Amino acid sequence: MTIAEAAKRLGKSEKTVRRWIEAGKLKASIVKGKYEIESLDTLDVQMSRTEMSNESNLSNELVIELKAQLAGLRGEKEQWLQERSELQKELAEYRRTLEDASQRHDTIVMQITRQLEMSQRMLAAHQEPWYRRWFRKSRRTEGETR
């Protein structure tokens, strides 16, 4: 079996297979200037045990890390929910304050409008001197009596 075939079967790169040959993990001989791998069975058994223990350790570490991250995220979620609740309460209070201010504003505007109308009426009544109004009224009363 060639290095390329062995790499494909093992799911590793050709470079990795060459390193294993040099390290003695794989038995290979050189035929016509190329490596010929004798058997992958011993390597498969050896690797499966090693990989299983490595994968098991990695899996356990990943599970522990993921559980820690999950606990942290749950804590953050609770904190965000609490902050959201507080912000909603503040928003409701601001809305009530705004409604109260709007009502006060409307009341003040109505009062000012009434005062302005009364002032306009009083100004209109005082545009002519009193004696003209008095004589005009008396002429009307005389004209009405005639």
C-alpha atoms as a PDB file:
ATOM      1  CA  MET A   1       0.000   0.000   0.000  1.00  0.00           C
ATOM      2  CA  THR A   2       1.335   3.445  -0.906  1.00  0.00           C
ATOM      3  CA  ILE A   3       1.570   6.454   1.368  1.00  0.00           C
ATOM      4  CA  ALA A   4      -1.321   8.140  -0.459  1.00  0.00           C
ATOM      5  CA  GLU A   5      -3.555   5.063  -0.029  1.00  0.00           C
ATOM      6  CA  ALA A   6      -2.637   4.763   3.652  1.00  0.00           C
ATOM      7  CA  ALA A   7      -3.303   8.462   4.247  1.00  0.00           C
ATOM      8  CA  LYS A   8      -6.680   8.191   2.562  1.00  0.00           C
ATOM      9  CA  ARG A   9      -7.630   5.085   4.562  1.00  0.00           C
ATOM     10  CA  LEU A  10      -6.505   6.650   7.849  1.00  0.00           C
ATOM     11  CA  GLY A  11      -8.042  10.020   7.059  1.00  0.00           C
ATOM     12  CA  LYS A  12      -4.706  11.741   7.645  1.00  0.00           C
ATOM     13  CA  SER A  13      -2.353  13.724   5.438  1.00  0.00           C
ATOM     14  CA  GLU A  14       0.528  12.106   3.563  1.00  0.00           C
ATOM     15  CA  LYS A  15       2.940  14.164   5.652  1.00  0.00           C
ATOM     16  CA  THR A  16       1.523  12.615   8.839  1.00  0.00           C
ATOM     17  CA  VAL A  17       1.903   9.118   7.418  1.00  0.00           C
ATOM     18  CA  ARG A  18       5.550   9.883   6.518  1.00  0.00           C
ATOM     19  CA  ARG A  19       6.206  11.107  10.093  1.00  0.00           C
ATOM     20  CA  TRP A  20       4.674   7.908  11.503  1.00  0.00           C
ATOM     21  CA  ILE A  21       6.932   5.821   9.290  1.00  0.00           C
ATOM     22  CA  GLU A  22       9.974   7.763  10.489  1.00  0.00           C
ATOM     23  CA  ALA A  23       8.808   7.446  14.119  1.00  0.00           C
ATOM     24  CA  GLY A  24       8.320   3.700  13.719  1.00  0.00           C
ATOM     25  CA  LYS A  25       4.574   3.703  14.232  1.00  0.00           C
ATOM     26  CA  LEU A  26       4.085   2.257  10.748  1.00  0.00           C
ATOM     27  CA  LYS A  27       6.110  -0.534   9.210  1.00  0.00           C
ATOM     28  CA  ALA A  28       7.150   0.310   5.679  1.00  0.00           C
ATOM     29  CA  SER A  29       9.818  -0.666   3.206  1.00  0.00           C
ATOM     30  CA  ILE A  30      11.263   1.178   0.246  1.00  0.00           C
ATOM     31  CA  VAL A  31      10.503  -0.448  -3.079  1.00  0.00           C
ATOM     32  CA  LYS A  32      11.743   1.207  -6.272  1.00  0.00           C
ATOM     33  CA  GLY A  33      12.327   4.503  -4.406  1.00  0.00           C
ATOM     34  CA  LYS A  34       8.847   4.582  -2.925  1.00  0.00           C
ATOM     35  CA  TYR A  35       7.552   3.585   0.485  1.00  0.00           C
ATOM     36  CA  GLU A  36       5.375   0.490   0.642  1.00  0.00           C
ATOM     37  CA  ILE A  37       3.412   0.206   3.871  1.00  0.00           C
ATOM     38  CA  GLU A  38       3.127  -3.376   5.076  1.00  0.00           C
ATOM     39  CA  SER A  39       0.078  -3.259   7.330  1.00  0.00           C
ATOM     40  CA  LEU A  40      -2.179  -0.760   8.997  1.00  0.00           C
ATOM     41  CA  ASP A  41      -3.805  -3.298  11.336  1.00  0.00           C
ATOM     42  CA  THR A  42      -1.372  -2.829  14.211  1.00  0.00           C
ATOM     43  CA  LEU A  43      -1.496   0.924  13.751  1.00  0.00           C
ATOM     44  CA  ASP A  44      -5.302   0.876  13.625  1.00  0.00           C
ATOM     45  CA  VAL A  45      -5.518  -0.994  16.922  1.00  0.00           C
ATOM     46  CA  GLN A  46      -2.828   1.150  18.480  1.00  0.00           C
ATOM     47  CA  MET A  47      -4.365   4.372  17.184  1.00  0.00           C
ATOM     48  CA  SER A  48      -7.915   3.460  18.081  1.00  0.00           C
ATOM     49  CA  ARG A  49      -6.922   2.915  21.712  1.00  0.00           C
ATOM     50  CA  THR A  50      -4.883   6.111  21.835  1.00  0.00           C
ATOM     51  CA  GLU A  51      -7.442   8.148  19.911  1.00  0.00           C
ATOM     52  CA  MET A  52     -10.291   6.816  22.024  1.00  0.00           C
ATOM     53  CA  SER A  53      -8.564   7.821  25.243  1.00  0.00           C
ATOM     54  CA  ASN A  54      -7.552  11.181  23.746  1.00  0.00           C
ATOM     55  CA  GLU A  55     -11.053  11.754  22.391  1.00  0.00           C
ATOM     56  CA  SER A  56     -12.548  10.709  25.702  1.00  0.00           C
ATOM     57  CA  ASN A  57     -10.343  13.182  27.558  1.00  0.00           C
ATOM     58  CA  LEU A  58     -11.114  15.895  25.017  1.00  0.00           C
ATOM     59  CA  SER A  59     -14.816  15.105  25.196  1.00  0.00           C
ATOM     60  CA  ASN A  60     -14.810  15.320  28.983  1.00  0.00           C
ATOM     61  CA  GLU A  61     -12.891  18.593  28.883  1.00  0.00           C
ATOM     62  CA  LEU A  62     -15.260  19.981  26.256  1.00  0.00           C
ATOM     63  CA  VAL A  63     -18.301  18.925  28.264  1.00  0.00           C
ATOM     64  CA  ILE A  64     -16.922  20.554  31.397  1.00  0.00           C
ATOM     65  CA  GLU A  65     -16.045  23.728  29.482  1.00  0.00           C
ATOM     66  CA  LEU A  66     -19.438  23.848  27.781  1.00  0.00           C
ATOM     67  CA  LYS A  67     -21.232  23.341  31.080  1.00  0.00           C
ATOM     68  CA  ALA A  68     -19.262  26.219  32.590  1.00  0.00           C
ATOM     69  CA  GLN A  69     -20.093  28.416  29.611  1.00  0.00           C
ATOM     70  CA  LEU A  70     -23.754  27.429  29.847  1.00  0.00           C
ATOM     71  CA  ALA A  71     -23.868  28.292  33.546  1.00  0.00           C
ATOM     72  CA  GLY A  72     -22.268  31.657  32.763  1.00  0.00           C
ATOM     73  CA  LEU A  73     -24.772  32.316  30.003  1.00  0.00           C
ATOM     74  CA  ARG A  74     -27.667  31.423  32.267  1.00  0.00           C
ATOM     75  CA  GLY A  75     -26.367  33.875  34.847  1.00  0.00           C
ATOM     76  CA  GLU A  76     -26.050  36.559  32.172  1.00  0.00           C
ATOM     77  CA  LYS A  77     -29.577  35.784  30.980  1.00  0.00           C
ATOM     78  CA  GLU A  78     -30.971  36.242  34.481  1.00  0.00           C
ATOM     79  CA  GLN A  79     -29.076  39.499  34.856  1.00  0.00           C
ATOM     80  CA  TRP A  80     -30.356  40.771  31.493  1.00  0.00           C
ATOM     81  CA  LEU A  81     -33.930  39.798  32.379  1.00  0.00           C
ATOM     82  CA  GLN A  82     -33.668  41.645  35.689  1.00  0.00           C
ATOM     83  CA  GLU A  83     -32.225  44.735  33.975  1.00  0.00           C
ATOM     84  CA  ARG A  84     -34.987  44.553  31.362  1.00  0.00           C
ATOM     85  CA  SER A  85     -37.629  44.397  34.087  1.00  0.00           C
ATOM     86  CA  GLU A  86     -36.131  47.414  35.846  1.00  0.00           C
ATOM     87  CA  LEU A  87     -35.963  49.351  32.588  1.00  0.00           C
ATOM     88  CA  GLN A  88     -39.604  48.518  31.840  1.00  0.00           C
ATOM     89  CA  LYS A  89     -40.590  49.861  35.268  1.00  0.00           C
ATOM     90  CA  GLU A  90     -38.612  53.056  34.651  1.00  0.00           C
ATOM     91  CA  LEU A  91     -40.219  53.433  31.237  1.00  0.00           C
ATOM     92  CA  ALA A  92     -43.712  53.046  32.716  1.00  0.00           C
ATOM     93  CA  GLU A  93     -42.883  55.695  35.335  1.00  0.00           C
ATOM     94  CA  TYR A  94     -41.574  58.066  32.629  1.00  0.00           C
ATOM     95  CA  ARG A  95     -44.755  57.534  30.625  1.00  0.00           C
ATOM     96  CA  ARG A  96     -46.917  58.392  33.652  1.00  0.00           C
ATOM     97  CA  THR A  97     -44.810  61.489  34.308  1.00  0.00           C
ATOM     98  CA  LEU A  98     -45.123  62.503  30.660  1.00  0.00           C
ATOM     99  CA  GLU A  99     -48.917  62.052  30.719  1.00  0.00           C
ATOM    100  CA  ASP A 100     -49.181  64.147  33.896  1.00  0.00           C
ATOM    101  CA  ALA A 101     -46.997  66.861  32.390  1.00  0.00           C
ATOM    102  CA  SER A 102     -49.082  66.812  29.217  1.00  0.00           C
ATOM    103  CA  GLN A 103     -52.302  67.253  31.212  1.00  0.00           C
ATOM    104  CA  ARG A 104     -50.774  70.135  33.185  1.00  0.00           C
ATOM    105  CA  HIS A 105     -49.593  71.703  29.951  1.00  0.00           C
ATOM    106  CA  ASP A 106     -53.059  71.446  28.392  1.00  0.00           C
ATOM    107  CA  THR A 107     -54.658  72.960  31.493  1.00  0.00           C
ATOM    108  CA  ILE A 108     -52.227  75.872  31.537  1.00  0.00           C
ATOM    109  CA  VAL A 109     -52.735  76.514  27.819  1.00  0.00           C
ATOM    110  CA  MET A 110     -56.532  76.582  28.313  1.00  0.00           C
ATOM    111  CA  GLN A 111     -56.220  79.013  31.238  1.00  0.00           C
ATOM    112  CA  ILE A 112     -53.926  81.309  29.298  1.00  0.00           C
ATOM    113  CA  THR A 113     -56.273  81.198  26.301  1.00  0.00           C
ATOM    114  CA  ARG A 114     -59.230  82.212  28.503  1.00  0.00           C
ATOM    115  CA  GLN A 115     -57.241  85.027  30.086  1.00  0.00           C
ATOM    116  CA  LEU A 116     -56.182  86.231  26.653  1.00  0.00           C
ATOM    117  CA  GLU A 117     -59.788  86.246  25.407  1.00  0.00           C
ATOM    118  CA  MET A 118     -60.918  88.187  28.476  1.00  0.00           C
ATOM    119  CA  SER A 119     -58.066  90.683  28.014  1.00  0.00           C
ATOM    120  CA  GLN A 120     -59.027  91.145  24.377  1.00  0.00           C
ATOM    121  CA  ARG A 121     -62.635  91.807  25.326  1.00  0.00           C
ATOM    122  CA  MET A 122     -61.578  94.329  27.951  1.00  0.00           C
ATOM    123  CA  LEU A 123     -59.274  96.053  25.471  1.00  0.00           C
ATOM    124  CA  ALA A 124     -62.016  96.210  22.884  1.00  0.00           C
ATOM    125  CA  ALA A 125     -64.367  97.733  25.444  1.00  0.00           C
ATOM    126  CA  HIS A 126     -61.836 100.409  26.349  1.00  0.00           C
ATOM    127  CA  GLN A 127     -60.860 101.486  22.860  1.00  0.00           C
ATOM    128  CA  GLU A 128     -63.305 104.459  22.914  1.00  0.00           C
ATOM    129  CA  PRO A 129     -63.280 107.033  25.685  1.00  0.00           C
ATOM    130  CA  TRP A 130     -65.982 106.628  28.271  1.00  0.00           C
ATOM    131  CA  TYR A 131     -67.726 109.870  27.420  1.00  0.00           C
ATOM    132  CA  ARG A 132     -68.302 108.809  23.819  1.00  0.00           C
ATOM    133  CA  ARG A 133     -69.818 105.592  24.914  1.00  0.00           C
ATOM    134  CA  TRP A 134     -71.909 107.419  27.477  1.00  0.00           C
ATOM    135  CA  PHE A 135     -73.244 109.974  25.026  1.00  0.00           C
ATOM    136  CA  ARG A 136     -73.812 107.378  22.401  1.00  0.00           C
ATOM    137  CA  LYS A 137     -75.831 105.336  24.809  1.00  0.00           C
ATOM    138  CA  SER A 138     -77.852 108.352  25.822  1.00  0.00           C
ATOM    139  CA  ARG A 139     -78.615 109.170  22.195  1.00  0.00           C
ATOM    140  CA  ARG A 140     -79.769 105.655  21.668  1.00  0.00           C
ATOM    141  CA  THR A 141     -81.993 105.796  24.640  1.00  0.00           C
ATOM    142  CA  GLU A 142     -83.434 109.123  23.413  1.00  0.00           C
ATOM    143  CA  GLY A 143     -83.899 107.719  19.942  1.00  0.00           C
ATOM    144  CA  GLU A 144     -85.533 104.678  21.339  1.00  0.00           C
ATOM    145  CA  THR A 145     -87.921 106.729  23.444  1.00  0.00           C
ATOM    146  CA  ARG A 146     -89.024 108.932  20.553  1.00  0.00           C
END
